[in-house]
Amino acid sequence: MPSIKFFPIIREVLNDLVDSVSASKGLSREEIYERMIAHIKDNSIQWASGKKPVIAYDNVLCRMAYLYEIVPANANLLQNVITYDSEIREYMLGVNEAKGEVSICVFGAGPGTELLALAKWADWNRLDGGLSVNFLLLDKVNEWIDSWEAIKHRIRSNFRDNISKNKRDWPIDFEGSFYVIDICDTTNFGNVNNLFGQDLCILSYVVSEKF
């Protein structure tokens, strides 16, 4: 039975974050939830304004609100693309078979949406030999790496508990390198030497937010 499910993983990540924020900021769980809801409402207004949104991603409570509101839905969107777009899927699998690994650049890497989507897709499809992904993650908010690592940790824990303690038995193996970069400023791209050698590039939610 597949072990990767979006909502349980995000719930686990958020529960850990709530405990951490409560201890560091002296806030009760109820206060944290109230502030998250306030961020959700403000973010929705920003996204619907027709103007370039100004989202406080440097605020941990705003990032938690984004995890709760956006990540499962956006991960589902990407999973559906891989499932139903045969051209993209077959290209990705062909690269994985030929090279033993697929390199994927994520523009606006955020909290780990793409990792979550690919992990669930691979878990549900169980390819012979598994899928290996090396992520190049680009985002101007350095703090997102905490969420990416937390999602990575939860995915790996689920695989260990439900499939095998041996990584070679997992449906997907993955690593990620995080670069702090404003993807809207193309002059920064020259500082990332391997940016244009990737097998796939993903621009998901960032497209609607920026343009």
Protein backbone atom coordinates (compact mmCIF):
# COMPACT_ATOMS: atom_id res chain seq x y z
CA MET A 1 0.00 0.00 0.00
CA PRO A 2 1.38 3.47 -0.87
CA SER A 3 2.81 5.29 2.13
CA ILE A 4 3.10 8.85 0.81
CA LYS A 5 0.00 10.98 1.34
CA PHE A 6 0.11 14.76 1.12
CA PHE A 7 -2.03 15.81 4.07
CA PRO A 8 -0.55 13.47 6.72
CA ILE A 9 3.00 14.52 5.80
CA ILE A 10 2.19 18.22 5.88
CA ARG A 11 0.35 17.73 9.18
CA GLU A 12 3.45 16.11 10.69
CA VAL A 13 5.71 18.89 9.41
CA LEU A 14 3.35 21.57 10.73
CA ASN A 15 3.00 19.89 14.13
CA ASP A 16 6.79 19.95 14.52
CA LEU A 17 6.88 23.61 13.45
CA VAL A 18 4.09 24.55 15.86
CA ASP A 19 6.02 22.98 18.74
CA SER A 20 9.21 24.78 17.70
CA VAL A 21 7.56 28.19 17.24
CA SER A 22 5.63 27.81 20.48
CA ALA A 23 8.86 27.19 22.39
CA SER A 24 10.89 29.92 20.66
CA LYS A 25 8.26 32.68 20.60
CA GLY A 26 6.28 31.85 23.71
CA LEU A 27 3.01 31.50 21.80
CA SER A 28 0.25 29.04 22.55
CA ARG A 29 -0.91 26.64 19.85
CA GLU A 30 -4.16 28.61 19.60
CA GLU A 31 -2.26 31.87 19.05
CA ILE A 32 -0.14 30.25 16.36
CA TYR A 33 -3.24 28.92 14.58
CA GLU A 34 -4.90 32.35 14.73
CA ARG A 35 -1.85 34.03 13.21
CA MET A 36 -1.61 31.39 10.51
CA ILE A 37 -5.26 32.00 9.58
CA ALA A 38 -4.58 35.74 9.43
CA HIS A 39 -1.70 35.10 7.01
CA ILE A 40 -3.89 32.80 4.88
CA LYS A 41 -6.51 35.52 4.56
CA ASP A 42 -3.95 38.23 3.78
CA ASN A 43 -2.12 36.04 1.24
CA SER A 44 -5.39 35.26 -0.55
CA ILE A 45 -6.14 38.99 -0.81
CA GLN A 46 -2.65 39.60 -2.19
CA TRP A 47 -2.93 36.85 -4.80
CA ALA A 48 -6.35 38.04 -5.94
CA SER A 49 -5.42 41.72 -6.10
CA GLY A 50 -4.22 41.69 -9.71
CA LYS A 51 -0.94 43.23 -8.56
CA LYS A 52 2.40 41.68 -7.71
CA PRO A 53 1.79 40.05 -4.32
CA VAL A 54 3.90 41.00 -1.33
CA ILE A 55 4.01 37.86 0.82
CA ALA A 56 5.95 37.74 4.09
CA TYR A 57 7.78 34.51 3.38
CA ASP A 58 10.54 35.58 5.76
CA ASN A 59 7.98 35.12 8.57
CA VAL A 60 7.82 31.53 9.80
CA LEU A 61 4.08 31.79 10.51
CA CYS A 62 3.45 32.92 6.94
CA ARG A 63 5.46 29.98 5.63
CA MET A 64 3.44 27.65 7.85
CA ALA A 65 0.23 29.13 6.45
CA TYR A 66 1.54 28.51 2.93
CA LEU A 67 2.35 24.91 3.81
CA TYR A 68 -1.20 24.42 5.08
CA GLU A 69 -3.04 26.28 2.33
CA ILE A 70 -1.07 25.73 -0.87
CA VAL A 71 1.34 22.80 -0.75
CA PRO A 72 -1.04 19.77 -0.89
CA ALA A 73 -3.08 21.28 -3.72
CA ASN A 74 -0.03 22.31 -5.71
CA ALA A 75 1.66 18.93 -5.15
CA ASN A 76 -1.49 17.25 -6.45
CA LEU A 77 -1.35 19.46 -9.55
CA LEU A 78 2.21 18.37 -10.31
CA GLN A 79 1.43 14.72 -9.62
CA ASN A 80 -1.41 14.93 -12.15
CA VAL A 81 0.93 16.44 -14.76
CA ILE A 82 3.32 13.51 -14.39
CA THR A 83 0.46 11.01 -14.39
CA TYR A 84 -1.43 12.29 -17.41
CA ASP A 85 1.21 13.96 -19.60
CA SER A 86 2.83 10.97 -21.27
CA GLU A 87 5.47 13.05 -23.06
CA ILE A 88 6.90 14.50 -19.85
CA ARG A 89 6.59 11.22 -17.97
CA GLU A 90 8.26 9.11 -20.66
CA TYR A 91 11.05 11.66 -21.09
CA MET A 92 11.74 11.66 -17.34
CA LEU A 93 11.74 7.88 -17.15
CA GLY A 94 13.95 7.62 -20.22
CA VAL A 95 16.53 9.94 -18.66
CA ASN A 96 16.38 7.99 -15.41
CA GLU A 97 17.01 4.72 -17.24
CA ALA A 98 19.80 6.12 -19.40
CA LYS A 99 21.66 8.11 -16.73
CA GLY A 100 20.53 6.48 -13.51
CA GLU A 101 19.33 9.89 -12.31
CA VAL A 102 17.13 12.80 -13.33
CA SER A 103 18.36 16.31 -12.57
CA ILE A 104 15.51 18.75 -11.96
CA CYS A 105 15.79 22.50 -11.48
CA VAL A 106 12.93 23.99 -9.48
CA PHE A 107 12.40 27.72 -9.96
CA GLY A 108 10.84 29.13 -6.82
CA ALA A 109 11.61 25.95 -4.89
CA GLY A 110 9.57 26.95 -1.87
CA PRO A 111 8.82 24.31 0.75
CA GLY A 112 9.25 21.08 -1.22
CA THR A 113 6.10 20.80 -3.30
CA GLU A 114 7.88 19.10 -6.20
CA LEU A 115 9.64 16.62 -3.92
CA LEU A 116 6.33 15.68 -2.33
CA ALA A 117 4.61 15.23 -5.70
CA LEU A 118 7.36 13.08 -7.22
CA ALA A 119 7.64 10.97 -4.06
CA LYS A 120 3.92 10.18 -4.10
CA TRP A 121 3.90 9.48 -7.84
CA ALA A 122 6.89 7.12 -7.53
CA ASP A 123 5.39 5.47 -4.46
CA TRP A 124 2.13 4.77 -6.28
CA ASN A 125 3.84 3.47 -9.44
CA ARG A 126 6.83 1.52 -8.03
CA LEU A 127 9.19 1.49 -11.02
CA ASP A 128 11.69 -1.32 -11.44
CA GLY A 129 14.93 0.03 -10.05
CA GLY A 130 13.22 3.10 -8.66
CA LEU A 131 13.50 6.77 -9.58
CA SER A 132 16.54 8.85 -8.61
CA VAL A 133 16.23 12.64 -8.56
CA ASN A 134 18.83 15.33 -7.94
CA PHE A 135 17.09 18.66 -7.28
CA LEU A 136 18.59 22.08 -7.94
CA LEU A 137 16.43 24.40 -5.82
CA LEU A 138 16.27 28.12 -6.54
CA ASP A 139 14.49 30.53 -4.19
CA LYS A 140 15.28 33.92 -2.70
CA VAL A 141 13.94 32.94 0.73
CA ASN A 142 16.66 30.92 2.41
CA GLU A 143 14.38 29.79 5.24
CA TRP A 144 12.37 27.56 2.87
CA ILE A 145 15.15 25.00 3.07
CA ASP A 146 13.90 24.11 6.56
CA SER A 147 10.53 23.02 5.18
CA TRP A 148 12.14 21.18 2.26
CA GLU A 149 14.35 19.25 4.67
CA ALA A 150 11.41 18.54 6.97
CA ILE A 151 9.35 17.10 4.10
CA LYS A 152 12.39 15.09 2.97
CA HIS A 153 12.78 13.71 6.48
CA ARG A 154 9.11 12.71 6.68
CA ILE A 155 9.15 11.00 3.28
CA ARG A 156 12.23 9.00 4.20
CA SER A 157 10.78 8.06 7.58
CA ASN A 158 7.63 6.77 5.88
CA PHE A 159 9.68 4.69 3.46
CA ARG A 160 11.77 3.23 6.29
CA ASP A 161 8.69 2.37 8.35
CA ASN A 162 6.49 1.06 5.53
CA ILE A 163 8.82 -0.29 2.83
CA SER A 164 12.37 -1.03 3.96
CA LYS A 165 15.24 0.38 5.97
CA ASN A 166 17.36 -0.16 2.86
CA LYS A 167 17.21 2.88 0.54
CA ARG A 168 17.76 0.65 -2.50
CA ASP A 169 14.25 -0.74 -1.96
CA TRP A 170 12.60 2.68 -1.99
CA PRO A 171 10.57 3.81 -5.03
CA ILE A 172 12.51 7.10 -5.17
CA ASP A 173 15.82 8.41 -3.90
CA PHE A 174 16.58 12.12 -3.90
CA GLU A 175 19.00 14.85 -2.94
CA GLY A 176 18.78 18.62 -3.22
CA SER A 177 21.09 21.63 -3.47
CA PHE A 178 19.59 24.97 -2.44
CA TYR A 179 20.66 28.28 -3.99
CA VAL A 180 19.45 31.59 -2.60
CA ILE A 181 18.57 33.49 -5.77
CA ASP A 182 15.86 35.85 -7.02
CA ILE A 183 14.59 34.04 -10.10
CA CYS A 184 13.08 37.28 -11.44
CA ASP A 185 16.57 38.76 -11.76
CA THR A 186 18.23 36.85 -14.59
CA THR A 187 21.60 38.48 -13.93
CA ASN A 188 21.91 36.06 -11.01
CA PHE A 189 21.71 32.99 -13.23
CA GLY A 190 25.36 33.23 -14.21
CA ASN A 191 26.30 32.40 -10.62
CA VAL A 192 24.74 28.94 -10.87
CA ASN A 193 27.09 27.01 -13.14
CA ASN A 194 24.94 23.91 -13.61
CA LEU A 195 21.64 25.77 -14.09
CA PHE A 196 21.38 25.06 -17.82
CA GLY A 197 22.50 21.44 -17.68
CA GLN A 198 19.34 20.15 -16.01
CA ASP A 199 17.14 17.44 -17.51
CA LEU A 200 13.92 19.14 -16.43
CA CYS A 201 12.92 22.56 -15.15
CA ILE A 202 9.79 23.10 -13.10
CA LEU A 203 8.00 26.42 -12.69
CA SER A 204 4.79 25.71 -10.86
CA TYR A 205 3.03 28.03 -8.44
CA VAL A 206 5.70 30.69 -8.93
CA VAL A 207 4.35 31.44 -12.41
CA SER A 208 0.94 32.53 -11.17
CA GLU A 209 2.47 34.48 -8.30
CA LYS A 210 5.00 36.42 -10.37
CA PHE A 211 3.10 37.02 -13.58
